Amino acid sequence: MAALLFHSPYDDPGAWRDLFAKEMPDLPVRVWPDAGNPAEIEFGFIQSLQPGELKRFPNLKAVFSGGAGVDHLLKDPEYPRQVPIVKIVQKQMTLGMTQYVVLHVLRLHRQQPAYQAQQREHVWKEIPQPGAWDRTVGLMGLGDLGGAAAKALAELGFKVRGWSRTKKRLKDIECFHGKDGLEPFLKETEILVCMLPLTAETTGIVNARKLSMLPKGACFINLARGKQHVDADLLAALDSGQLSHMTLDVFFPEPLAPDHLYWKHPKVTVTPHRAGNSSREAVIRDTLENIKDFRAGKKLRNRVNTKAGY
């Protein structure tokens, strides 16, 4: 009997199991660690597992990542490399990420943190406001999520630029790529948004050197992975005025420690890793449609290039 192994430390497994059963009754769901007979596990829906666990399942045919990123699977040195990894590319998640980017870019562009600070001090004072056409927003990462956010910002009138590992072409977006393109991309970016996948190359990519390339007083938004920014460098950039504000949805480790400096810093906005907002029902439906097609002999959609890391 073929079965699906489910694991998520962040959610109610029973609710997921019931929804899987409703959509595909002939595919039993085993909730980790109760995997049953390892030979029966053909698919995995995995949020995170300790390295070495997935090699126990000899008939594993595909593993679906329980989130937008796949770094939790790729970091396992014992992952069975013949087994495809599938990432979640879901319309609701893409829309949620785009909404988050637009919300916080507009919030920074329209001086909302400064006005909130003035409100606390009972200060009535207008702050000079540039137009969107005079504000440059740069997105690191131009995949499905980054590309959608870039398009939405361009439609709002911002000057939008993007940087990616390989060359991209997007309408109304000034595109940069590779190591040689990073500094030209950063040097005019006033609001920097990180939407990169986490790989060995992107770990710690937002550091003191990269921040120094931005215009003084720039802002930073990260909704990708906490390992991609260096906390000490971000705080130093805020204190020096190189950064004027930042919005962080991701941290390392998570959850953010109660005594972390970010919580009370007046120039930091913290959200609890909720930029992508997709329903269980939509994610499960897309996953099972992919499994049905795969069983019918079709190629898996959204398969990860494990060499590139996304």
Protein backbone atom coordinates (compact mmCIF):
# COMPACT_ATOMS: atom_id res chain seq x y z
CA MET A 1 0.00 0.00 0.00
CA ALA A 2 1.44 3.36 -1.06
CA ALA A 3 1.40 6.07 1.62
CA LEU A 4 2.46 9.68 2.15
CA LEU A 5 4.66 10.71 5.07
CA PHE A 6 3.74 14.07 6.63
CA HIS A 7 5.93 16.14 8.93
CA SER A 8 5.56 19.67 10.23
CA PRO A 9 6.61 20.87 13.68
CA TYR A 10 4.71 24.13 13.22
CA ASP A 11 1.14 23.04 12.59
CA ASP A 12 -1.63 20.65 13.59
CA PRO A 13 -0.84 17.37 11.78
CA GLY A 14 -4.33 16.03 12.33
CA ALA A 15 -5.90 18.84 10.33
CA TRP A 16 -3.50 18.24 7.45
CA ARG A 17 -4.07 14.47 7.56
CA ASP A 18 -7.84 14.91 7.44
CA LEU A 19 -7.63 17.24 4.45
CA PHE A 20 -5.29 14.91 2.58
CA ALA A 21 -7.70 12.02 3.24
CA LYS A 22 -10.65 14.07 2.02
CA GLU A 23 -8.95 14.96 -1.27
CA MET A 24 -7.30 11.56 -1.96
CA PRO A 25 -8.73 8.74 0.22
CA ASP A 26 -6.61 6.06 -1.49
CA LEU A 27 -3.34 7.65 -0.29
CA PRO A 28 -2.98 7.04 3.47
CA VAL A 29 -1.12 9.72 5.39
CA ARG A 30 1.36 8.69 8.06
CA VAL A 31 2.29 11.45 10.50
CA TRP A 32 5.91 11.46 11.62
CA PRO A 33 7.26 9.66 13.59
CA ASP A 34 4.58 7.00 13.04
CA ALA A 35 5.68 6.08 9.52
CA GLY A 36 4.55 2.46 9.69
CA ASN A 37 6.17 0.12 7.17
CA PRO A 38 9.00 2.17 5.57
CA ALA A 39 8.57 0.30 2.28
CA GLU A 40 5.04 1.72 1.89
CA ILE A 41 6.14 5.38 1.94
CA GLU A 42 6.19 6.64 -1.66
CA PHE A 43 5.74 10.39 -1.11
CA GLY A 44 6.75 12.85 1.56
CA PHE A 45 5.35 16.24 2.53
CA ILE A 46 8.13 17.51 4.75
CA GLN A 47 8.59 20.77 6.62
CA SER A 48 11.80 19.73 8.35
CA LEU A 49 13.41 16.50 9.51
CA GLN A 50 16.70 15.61 11.09
CA PRO A 51 19.38 14.69 8.52
CA GLY A 52 19.43 11.03 7.59
CA GLU A 53 15.78 10.25 8.30
CA LEU A 54 14.52 10.12 4.71
CA LYS A 55 17.07 7.54 3.59
CA ARG A 56 15.06 4.96 5.59
CA PHE A 57 12.34 4.81 2.91
CA PRO A 58 13.48 2.61 -0.01
CA ASN A 59 10.49 3.28 -2.28
CA LEU A 60 10.34 7.05 -1.90
CA LYS A 61 9.40 8.59 -5.28
CA ALA A 62 9.14 12.32 -4.51
CA VAL A 63 9.35 14.71 -1.57
CA PHE A 64 7.25 17.87 -1.49
CA SER A 65 8.68 20.72 0.55
CA GLY A 66 6.27 22.04 3.16
CA GLY A 67 7.23 25.65 2.36
CA ALA A 68 8.51 27.93 -0.37
CA GLY A 69 12.15 27.04 0.39
CA VAL A 70 13.87 23.68 0.06
CA ASP A 71 17.06 24.33 2.03
CA HIS A 72 15.88 22.09 4.89
CA LEU A 73 16.02 19.13 2.47
CA LEU A 74 19.13 20.05 0.52
CA LYS A 75 21.20 20.43 3.68
CA ASP A 76 20.74 16.72 4.48
CA PRO A 77 24.00 15.03 3.38
CA GLU A 78 22.24 11.65 3.40
CA TYR A 79 19.20 12.69 1.34
CA PRO A 80 18.55 10.04 -1.34
CA ARG A 81 19.68 12.07 -4.36
CA GLN A 82 17.67 10.03 -6.86
CA VAL A 83 14.43 11.22 -5.23
CA PRO A 84 13.03 14.43 -6.78
CA ILE A 85 12.33 17.42 -4.52
CA VAL A 86 9.29 19.51 -5.38
CA LYS A 87 8.83 23.09 -4.17
CA ILE A 88 5.53 24.75 -3.41
CA VAL A 89 4.59 27.24 -6.14
CA GLN A 90 1.07 28.16 -5.21
CA LYS A 91 -1.01 31.13 -6.35
CA GLN A 92 -2.13 32.08 -2.85
CA MET A 93 1.45 31.96 -1.57
CA THR A 94 2.70 34.10 -4.47
CA LEU A 95 -0.09 36.59 -3.89
CA GLY A 96 0.62 36.68 -0.14
CA MET A 97 4.32 37.35 -0.71
CA THR A 98 3.51 40.07 -3.24
CA GLN A 99 1.08 41.71 -0.83
CA TYR A 100 3.71 41.66 1.92
CA VAL A 101 6.32 43.29 -0.33
CA VAL A 102 3.91 45.95 -1.57
CA LEU A 103 2.66 46.68 1.95
CA HIS A 104 6.10 47.20 3.45
CA VAL A 105 7.63 48.98 0.46
CA LEU A 106 4.74 51.44 0.54
CA ARG A 107 5.02 51.77 4.30
CA LEU A 108 8.69 52.71 4.01
CA HIS A 109 8.21 54.84 0.91
CA ARG A 110 5.41 56.86 2.54
CA GLN A 111 7.48 57.48 5.72
CA GLN A 112 5.11 55.55 7.97
CA PRO A 113 7.73 54.54 10.59
CA ALA A 114 8.75 58.19 10.94
CA TYR A 115 5.13 59.32 11.27
CA GLN A 116 4.49 56.66 13.92
CA ALA A 117 7.50 57.94 15.84
CA GLN A 118 6.12 61.48 15.58
CA GLN A 119 2.72 60.29 16.80
CA ARG A 120 4.28 58.84 19.93
CA GLU A 121 5.82 62.27 20.63
CA HIS A 122 2.65 64.21 19.64
CA VAL A 123 4.53 65.91 16.80
CA TRP A 124 2.59 67.37 13.85
CA LYS A 125 5.13 67.77 11.04
CA GLU A 126 5.08 66.97 7.35
CA ILE A 127 7.97 64.92 5.99
CA PRO A 128 9.14 65.51 2.39
CA GLN A 129 7.68 62.82 0.16
CA PRO A 130 9.26 61.76 -3.16
CA GLY A 131 7.06 60.25 -5.83
CA ALA A 132 7.18 56.53 -6.55
CA TRP A 133 8.78 57.36 -9.90
CA ASP A 134 11.71 58.85 -7.95
CA ARG A 135 12.14 55.85 -5.65
CA THR A 136 14.23 52.84 -6.68
CA VAL A 137 13.26 49.46 -5.27
CA GLY A 138 15.60 46.53 -5.81
CA LEU A 139 14.63 42.88 -5.48
CA MET A 140 17.24 40.20 -4.90
CA GLY A 141 15.70 37.15 -6.51
CA LEU A 142 13.57 37.16 -9.66
CA GLY A 143 12.00 33.72 -9.55
CA ASP A 144 8.25 33.07 -9.36
CA LEU A 145 7.87 35.04 -6.12
CA GLY A 146 10.35 37.84 -6.79
CA GLY A 147 9.16 38.32 -10.35
CA ALA A 148 5.53 38.71 -9.26
CA ALA A 149 6.47 41.25 -6.58
CA ALA A 150 8.66 43.20 -9.02
CA LYS A 151 5.80 43.42 -11.51
CA ALA A 152 3.37 44.68 -8.84
CA LEU A 153 5.80 47.40 -7.72
CA ALA A 154 6.40 48.51 -11.30
CA GLU A 155 2.65 48.85 -11.80
CA LEU A 156 2.58 51.18 -8.78
CA GLY A 157 5.04 53.47 -10.53
CA PHE A 158 8.28 52.61 -8.72
CA LYS A 159 11.60 52.36 -10.49
CA VAL A 160 12.17 48.65 -10.08
CA ARG A 161 15.37 46.71 -10.56
CA GLY A 162 16.17 43.09 -9.89
CA TRP A 163 19.21 40.91 -9.36
CA SER A 164 19.47 37.17 -9.93
CA ARG A 165 22.15 34.51 -10.25
CA THR A 166 21.50 34.07 -13.97
CA LYS A 167 20.32 36.51 -16.62
CA LYS A 168 16.63 37.41 -16.64
CA ARG A 169 14.44 39.66 -18.76
CA LEU A 170 11.28 41.14 -17.25
CA LYS A 171 9.13 43.90 -18.69
CA ASP A 172 9.64 47.28 -17.00
CA ILE A 173 12.31 45.82 -14.68
CA GLU A 174 15.99 46.72 -14.95
CA CYS A 175 17.69 43.35 -14.54
CA PHE A 176 21.19 42.60 -13.22
CA HIS A 177 22.80 39.22 -12.73
CA GLY A 178 25.85 37.43 -11.41
CA LYS A 179 28.68 38.64 -9.20
CA ASP A 180 29.57 41.47 -11.57
CA GLY A 181 26.02 42.79 -11.54
CA LEU A 182 25.54 42.92 -7.78
CA GLU A 183 27.33 46.19 -6.97
CA PRO A 184 25.71 48.15 -9.86
CA PHE A 185 22.37 46.77 -8.71
CA LEU A 186 22.89 47.84 -5.09
CA LYS A 187 24.41 51.28 -5.59
CA GLU A 188 21.12 52.97 -6.54
CA THR A 189 18.71 50.73 -4.63
CA GLU A 190 16.90 52.75 -1.96
CA ILE A 191 14.65 49.95 -0.72
CA LEU A 192 16.27 46.51 -0.89
CA VAL A 193 14.04 43.43 -0.79
CA CYS A 194 15.52 39.94 -0.33
CA MET A 195 13.54 37.13 -1.97
CA LEU A 196 16.41 34.77 -2.75
CA PRO A 197 16.43 31.00 -2.18
CA LEU A 198 18.83 29.93 0.55
CA THR A 199 21.95 28.35 -0.94
CA ALA A 200 25.62 28.25 -0.01
CA GLU A 201 26.10 31.33 -2.20
CA THR A 202 23.26 33.35 -0.65
CA THR A 203 24.02 32.54 2.99
CA GLY A 204 25.15 35.79 4.63
CA ILE A 205 24.80 37.69 1.36
CA VAL A 206 23.36 40.79 3.07
CA ASN A 207 26.44 41.77 5.08
CA ALA A 208 28.41 44.90 5.92
CA ARG A 209 30.12 45.05 2.53
CA LYS A 210 26.87 44.76 0.57
CA LEU A 211 25.09 47.23 2.84
CA SER A 212 27.86 49.77 2.28
CA MET A 213 27.09 49.68 -1.44
CA LEU A 214 23.55 50.98 -0.88
CA PRO A 215 22.78 54.71 -0.83
CA LYS A 216 23.01 56.11 2.70
CA GLY A 217 19.66 55.92 4.46
CA ALA A 218 18.40 52.96 2.42
CA CYS A 219 15.85 50.48 3.78
CA PHE A 220 15.92 46.69 3.87
CA ILE A 221 13.18 44.05 3.77
CA ASN A 222 13.84 40.31 4.14
CA LEU A 223 11.12 37.72 3.62
CA ALA A 224 13.36 34.94 2.32
CA ARG A 225 15.57 33.29 4.97
CA GLY A 226 17.14 34.56 8.17
CA LYS A 227 20.52 33.04 7.32
CA GLN A 228 20.83 35.43 4.40
CA HIS A 229 21.43 38.52 6.52
CA VAL A 230 24.09 39.11 9.17
CA ASP A 231 22.40 40.44 12.31
CA ALA A 232 25.39 42.34 13.68
CA ASP A 233 25.96 44.05 10.32
CA LEU A 234 22.32 45.09 10.03
CA LEU A 235 22.29 46.60 13.52
CA ALA A 236 25.58 48.42 12.86
CA ALA A 237 24.15 49.82 9.61
CA LEU A 238 21.07 51.09 11.46
CA ASP A 239 23.17 52.72 14.17
CA SER A 240 25.44 54.43 11.62
CA GLY A 241 22.54 55.69 9.50
CA GLN A 242 23.53 53.60 6.49
CA LEU A 243 20.12 51.97 6.91
CA SER A 244 17.16 54.05 8.07
CA HIS A 245 14.73 51.19 8.69
CA MET A 246 14.29 47.51 8.05
CA THR A 247 11.43 45.01 8.03
CA LEU A 248 12.24 41.39 8.83
CA ASP A 249 9.91 38.41 8.47
CA VAL A 250 12.66 35.78 8.76
CA PHE A 251 15.33 35.09 11.37
CA PHE A 252 17.88 32.52 12.42
CA PRO A 253 17.08 30.81 14.65
CA GLU A 254 13.29 30.98 14.78
CA PRO A 255 11.28 31.90 16.71
CA LEU A 256 13.12 35.14 17.47
CA ALA A 257 14.46 35.07 21.03
CA PRO A 258 12.40 37.20 23.47
CA ASP A 259 15.47 39.24 24.43
CA HIS A 260 16.68 39.92 20.89
CA LEU A 261 17.53 43.54 20.11
CA TYR A 262 15.20 43.55 17.10
CA TRP A 263 12.07 43.50 19.26
CA LYS A 264 12.62 46.94 20.79
CA HIS A 265 14.76 48.62 18.16
CA PRO A 266 12.94 51.75 16.95
CA LYS A 267 14.08 51.22 13.36
CA VAL A 268 13.08 47.56 13.04
CA THR A 269 9.73 46.04 12.13
CA VAL A 270 9.34 42.36 13.06
CA THR A 271 6.77 39.92 11.66
CA PRO A 272 6.70 36.18 12.57
CA HIS A 273 7.56 34.48 9.24
CA ARG A 274 4.12 34.97 7.78
CA ALA A 275 4.79 36.83 4.52
CA GLY A 276 3.55 33.92 2.42
CA ASN A 277 -0.04 33.25 3.38
CA SER A 278 -1.42 30.12 1.72
CA SER A 279 -4.26 27.93 2.94
CA ARG A 280 -3.81 24.26 3.80
CA GLU A 281 -6.55 23.38 1.33
CA ALA A 282 -4.83 25.09 -1.60
CA VAL A 283 -1.40 23.61 -0.84
CA ILE A 284 -2.81 20.10 -0.40
CA ARG A 285 -4.89 20.35 -3.58
CA ASP A 286 -1.88 21.42 -5.65
CA THR A 287 0.32 18.72 -4.10
CA LEU A 288 -2.17 15.94 -4.79
CA GLU A 289 -2.80 17.12 -8.34
CA ASN A 290 0.95 16.86 -8.91
CA ILE A 291 0.99 13.35 -7.42
CA LYS A 292 -1.98 12.26 -9.59
CA ASP A 293 -0.25 13.54 -12.73
CA PHE A 294 3.01 11.86 -11.70
CA ARG A 295 1.21 8.55 -11.20
CA ALA A 296 -0.25 8.99 -14.69
CA GLY A 297 3.23 9.23 -16.17
CA LYS A 298 3.57 13.01 -16.40
CA LYS A 299 6.57 15.02 -15.19
CA LEU A 300 6.48 16.57 -11.73
CA ARG A 301 5.77 20.29 -11.78
CA ASN A 302 8.07 22.66 -9.87
CA ARG A 303 10.86 20.13 -9.50
CA VAL A 304 13.93 21.57 -7.80
CA ASN A 305 17.28 21.85 -9.54
CA THR A 306 19.32 20.40 -6.67
CA LYS A 307 22.62 21.65 -8.13
CA ALA A 308 21.38 25.25 -8.23
CA GLY A 309 19.60 24.86 -4.89
CA TYR A 310 16.13 25.99 -6.00
